[in-house]
Amino acid sequence: MKKTEILTNGLVKENPVLRLVLGTCPTLAVTTAAMNGIGMGLAATFVLICSNVVISACRKIIPDKVHIPAFITIIAGFVSVVQMLVKAYAPALDSALGVYLPLIVVNCIILGRAEMFACKNNVVDSALDGLGMGIGFTLTLFVMASIREILGAGTFFGIELIKTPMAILASPPGGFFIFGILMAVAVVLSNRAGLKTNTDPEKMGCAGCAGCGSDSSCASEGGAEA
């Protein structure tokens, strides 16, 4: 796979939220304001890149039977770093994101990319995959949060734009509505571009999660590519 393809996969073809439908809970919860969406996206991107790099570098020495706990431990370390930085330099953002910032540890996007890509590919490719997926996640959160803030709250980054907004769009039902529209747009764009998203659990990044019960052969394939 070409490096440009690895980097751009997360934008539309394998967008973690709109195409693979991962990380839905924080997506719906924090997208009431554009700033929250950007903050959450950047935090997840940092964790994605760093955890992918470390997991890829250690893929040959992590035993198969403990690779899930090992991955979660690595991810938790970087989430702790992000949480401390946000608390220190952006306390308002930390308060807005609340519990969803530490819950990045169990975000299916992070663990999914570790399972699907980082433990099977080299460090450079894994870093590009983390960056691409992070950008796709951040853009999705920003677009969704912008729509909900402008139309639902009548503001954009705190600046009043609409005097009589549609408050329902800032509520959970409105979040689901906007989410569904964006998913439909992503499907249309993918179909027009001739992009086919693989929904096989082994290839979409959720293999080994408790939700689907699939087994992952991560460690056994870890040495396939240097």
Protein backbone atom coordinates (compact mmCIF):
# COMPACT_ATOMS: atom_id res chain seq x y z
CA MET A 1 0.00 0.00 0.00
CA LYS A 2 1.37 3.44 -0.96
CA LYS A 3 2.10 5.90 1.82
CA THR A 4 -0.25 8.50 0.33
CA GLU A 5 -3.04 5.92 0.35
CA ILE A 6 -2.32 5.05 3.98
CA LEU A 7 -2.47 8.73 4.90
CA THR A 8 -5.71 9.49 3.02
CA ASN A 9 -7.67 6.32 3.84
CA GLY A 10 -9.09 7.86 7.00
CA LEU A 11 -10.54 10.90 5.26
CA VAL A 12 -13.43 9.24 3.40
CA LYS A 13 -12.83 5.63 2.36
CA GLU A 14 -12.19 4.34 5.88
CA ASN A 15 -13.29 7.35 7.90
CA PRO A 16 -13.36 5.94 11.42
CA VAL A 17 -16.66 7.60 12.36
CA LEU A 18 -18.69 7.85 9.16
CA ARG A 19 -17.59 4.66 7.40
CA LEU A 20 -16.34 2.27 10.10
CA VAL A 21 -18.79 3.67 12.69
CA LEU A 22 -16.24 3.66 15.54
CA GLY A 23 -16.02 6.19 18.34
CA THR A 24 -19.70 7.08 18.03
CA CYS A 25 -20.25 7.86 21.72
CA PRO A 26 -17.72 10.73 22.04
CA THR A 27 -18.68 11.92 18.57
CA LEU A 28 -22.28 12.50 19.61
CA ALA A 29 -21.41 13.74 23.09
CA VAL A 30 -18.79 16.43 22.45
CA THR A 31 -19.96 17.90 19.15
CA THR A 32 -22.18 20.61 20.62
CA ALA A 33 -19.44 23.20 20.02
CA ALA A 34 -16.77 23.48 17.33
CA MET A 35 -13.99 24.06 19.85
CA ASN A 36 -14.90 20.88 21.69
CA GLY A 37 -14.80 18.91 18.45
CA ILE A 38 -11.37 20.24 17.53
CA GLY A 39 -10.01 19.62 21.03
CA MET A 40 -11.28 16.05 21.15
CA GLY A 41 -10.03 15.34 17.64
CA LEU A 42 -6.53 16.68 18.30
CA ALA A 43 -6.26 14.76 21.56
CA ALA A 44 -7.30 11.52 19.86
CA THR A 45 -4.92 12.20 16.95
CA PHE A 46 -1.97 12.63 19.31
CA VAL A 47 -2.80 9.35 21.05
CA LEU A 48 -3.33 7.58 17.72
CA ILE A 49 0.03 8.60 16.30
CA CYS A 50 2.05 7.96 19.47
CA SER A 51 0.41 4.64 20.33
CA ASN A 52 0.68 3.40 16.74
CA VAL A 53 4.39 4.20 16.67
CA VAL A 54 5.14 2.48 19.99
CA ILE A 55 2.97 -0.56 19.25
CA SER A 56 4.54 -0.96 15.82
CA ALA A 57 8.03 -0.68 17.27
CA CYS A 58 7.24 -3.31 19.93
CA ARG A 59 5.06 -5.59 17.81
CA LYS A 60 7.61 -8.41 17.62
CA ILE A 61 8.24 -8.60 21.36
CA ILE A 62 4.65 -8.39 22.67
CA PRO A 63 3.34 -11.94 23.31
CA ASP A 64 0.16 -12.90 21.48
CA LYS A 65 -1.74 -13.73 24.68
CA VAL A 66 -1.23 -10.30 26.26
CA HIS A 67 -1.25 -7.97 23.28
CA ILE A 68 -4.64 -6.42 24.13
CA PRO A 69 -3.63 -5.52 27.73
CA ALA A 70 -0.27 -4.31 26.41
CA PHE A 71 -1.95 -2.09 23.81
CA ILE A 72 -4.34 -0.63 26.37
CA THR A 73 -1.46 0.10 28.76
CA ILE A 74 0.47 1.92 26.03
CA ILE A 75 -2.62 3.87 24.97
CA ALA A 76 -3.45 4.75 28.60
CA GLY A 77 0.03 6.21 29.07
CA PHE A 78 -0.40 8.65 26.19
CA VAL A 79 -3.96 9.51 27.24
CA SER A 80 -2.63 10.41 30.68
CA VAL A 81 -0.10 12.75 29.06
CA VAL A 82 -2.83 14.41 26.99
CA GLN A 83 -5.15 14.74 29.97
CA MET A 84 -2.47 16.42 32.09
CA LEU A 85 -1.58 18.83 29.27
CA VAL A 86 -5.22 19.77 28.69
CA LYS A 87 -5.84 20.25 32.42
CA ALA A 88 -2.78 22.49 32.67
CA TYR A 89 -3.14 24.61 29.53
CA ALA A 90 -6.82 24.38 28.53
CA PRO A 91 -8.91 23.88 31.69
CA ALA A 92 -12.07 25.11 29.97
CA LEU A 93 -11.69 22.44 27.28
CA ASP A 94 -10.98 19.81 29.95
CA SER A 95 -14.21 20.78 31.70
CA ALA A 96 -16.18 20.71 28.43
CA LEU A 97 -14.89 17.28 27.37
CA GLY A 98 -15.34 15.87 30.85
CA VAL A 99 -15.13 12.09 31.15
CA TYR A 100 -14.74 11.63 27.38
CA LEU A 101 -11.12 12.78 27.48
CA PRO A 102 -9.86 9.96 29.74
CA LEU A 103 -12.21 7.56 27.94
CA ILE A 104 -9.99 7.89 24.85
CA VAL A 105 -8.23 4.91 26.45
CA VAL A 106 -11.09 2.63 25.42
CA ASN A 107 -11.98 4.42 22.19
CA CYS A 108 -12.53 1.75 19.53
CA ILE A 109 -10.71 3.87 16.94
CA ILE A 110 -7.45 3.82 18.91
CA LEU A 111 -7.52 0.13 19.79
CA GLY A 112 -8.89 -0.74 16.36
CA ARG A 113 -5.95 0.85 14.52
CA ALA A 114 -3.53 -0.86 16.89
CA GLU A 115 -5.16 -4.21 16.15
CA MET A 116 -5.61 -3.75 12.44
CA PHE A 117 -2.58 -1.77 11.37
CA ALA A 118 0.11 -0.86 13.90
CA CYS A 119 0.88 -4.41 15.03
CA LYS A 120 1.27 -5.57 11.43
CA ASN A 121 3.20 -2.72 9.78
CA ASN A 122 6.38 -0.70 10.20
CA VAL A 123 6.74 2.43 12.30
CA VAL A 124 6.54 4.98 9.46
CA ASP A 125 3.41 3.45 7.93
CA SER A 126 1.82 3.15 11.38
CA ALA A 127 2.51 6.81 12.11
CA LEU A 128 0.94 7.81 8.78
CA ASP A 129 -2.08 5.62 9.50
CA GLY A 130 -2.53 7.24 12.91
CA LEU A 131 -2.20 10.71 11.40
CA GLY A 132 -4.67 9.97 8.58
CA MET A 133 -7.26 8.42 10.90
CA GLY A 134 -6.78 11.26 13.36
CA ILE A 135 -7.33 13.88 10.67
CA GLY A 136 -10.45 12.08 9.47
CA PHE A 137 -11.77 11.87 13.03
CA THR A 138 -10.98 15.53 13.75
CA LEU A 139 -12.57 16.79 10.51
CA THR A 140 -15.71 14.76 11.19
CA LEU A 141 -16.01 16.14 14.71
CA PHE A 142 -15.36 19.69 13.52
CA VAL A 143 -17.93 19.58 10.70
CA MET A 144 -20.56 17.95 12.88
CA ALA A 145 -19.90 20.31 15.80
CA SER A 146 -19.93 23.37 13.54
CA ILE A 147 -23.33 22.45 12.10
CA ARG A 148 -24.78 21.77 15.54
CA GLU A 149 -23.33 24.92 17.10
CA ILE A 150 -24.35 27.26 14.27
CA LEU A 151 -27.84 25.89 13.69
CA GLY A 152 -28.52 24.61 17.21
CA ALA A 153 -27.00 27.33 19.38
CA GLY A 154 -26.76 30.18 16.87
CA THR A 155 -23.08 30.74 17.58
CA PHE A 156 -19.70 29.78 16.11
CA PHE A 157 -16.67 29.83 18.42
CA GLY A 158 -18.76 31.94 20.76
CA ILE A 159 -19.72 34.54 18.13
CA GLU A 160 -23.48 34.98 17.70
CA LEU A 161 -24.64 34.30 14.14
CA ILE A 162 -28.33 33.36 14.42
CA LYS A 163 -30.80 34.96 16.83
CA THR A 164 -33.38 32.15 16.65
CA PRO A 165 -31.51 28.85 16.35
CA MET A 166 -33.07 25.39 16.14
CA ALA A 167 -32.28 24.24 19.67
CA ILE A 168 -33.15 20.62 18.89
CA LEU A 169 -29.96 20.28 16.83
CA ALA A 170 -27.90 20.93 19.96
CA SER A 171 -29.73 18.11 21.77
CA PRO A 172 -29.00 14.34 21.52
CA PRO A 173 -31.76 13.71 18.92
CA GLY A 174 -30.31 16.51 16.79
CA GLY A 175 -26.87 14.95 17.12
CA PHE A 176 -28.16 11.64 15.76
CA PHE A 177 -29.89 13.47 12.91
CA ILE A 178 -26.75 15.33 11.83
CA PHE A 179 -24.69 12.16 12.28
CA GLY A 180 -26.99 10.24 9.94
CA ILE A 181 -26.83 12.97 7.29
CA LEU A 182 -23.03 13.04 7.39
CA MET A 183 -22.88 9.25 7.12
CA ALA A 184 -25.09 9.40 4.03
CA VAL A 185 -22.87 12.09 2.50
CA ALA A 186 -19.79 9.96 3.15
CA VAL A 187 -21.40 6.95 1.47
CA VAL A 188 -22.34 9.03 -1.58
CA LEU A 189 -18.84 10.48 -1.87
CA SER A 190 -17.28 7.03 -1.53
CA ASN A 191 -19.56 5.54 -4.18
CA ARG A 192 -18.91 8.38 -6.62
CA ALA A 193 -15.17 8.02 -6.13
CA GLY A 194 -15.39 4.24 -6.55
CA LEU A 195 -14.07 3.63 -3.03
CA LYS A 196 -15.13 0.39 -1.36
CA THR A 197 -14.95 0.13 2.42
CA ASN A 198 -14.11 -3.32 3.76
CA THR A 199 -16.51 -4.27 6.58
CA ASP A 200 -14.73 -7.51 7.51
CA PRO A 201 -13.99 -7.21 11.28
CA GLU A 202 -10.46 -8.46 10.66
CA LYS A 203 -9.84 -5.66 8.19
CA MET A 204 -11.88 -2.77 9.54
CA GLY A 205 -10.01 -2.60 12.80
CA CYS A 206 -12.42 -4.02 15.38
CA ALA A 207 -11.21 -7.63 15.41
CA GLY A 208 -10.61 -8.92 18.90
CA CYS A 209 -12.98 -6.46 20.61
CA ALA A 210 -15.45 -7.91 23.06
CA GLY A 211 -18.33 -6.51 21.03
CA CYS A 212 -18.03 -8.78 17.99
CA GLY A 213 -16.13 -11.65 19.56
CA SER A 214 -13.70 -11.98 16.67
CA ASP A 215 -10.23 -13.33 17.34
CA SER A 216 -7.25 -11.31 16.21
CA SER A 217 -4.06 -12.89 14.94
CA CYS A 218 -2.13 -9.68 15.47
CA ALA A 219 1.00 -11.00 17.06
CA SER A 220 1.25 -13.94 14.71
CA GLU A 221 1.22 -11.54 11.78
CA GLY A 222 3.35 -8.92 13.49
CA GLY A 223 6.55 -10.00 11.79
CA ALA A 224 5.04 -10.17 8.34
CA GLU A 225 6.27 -6.74 7.41
CA ALA A 226 9.46 -5.22 8.73
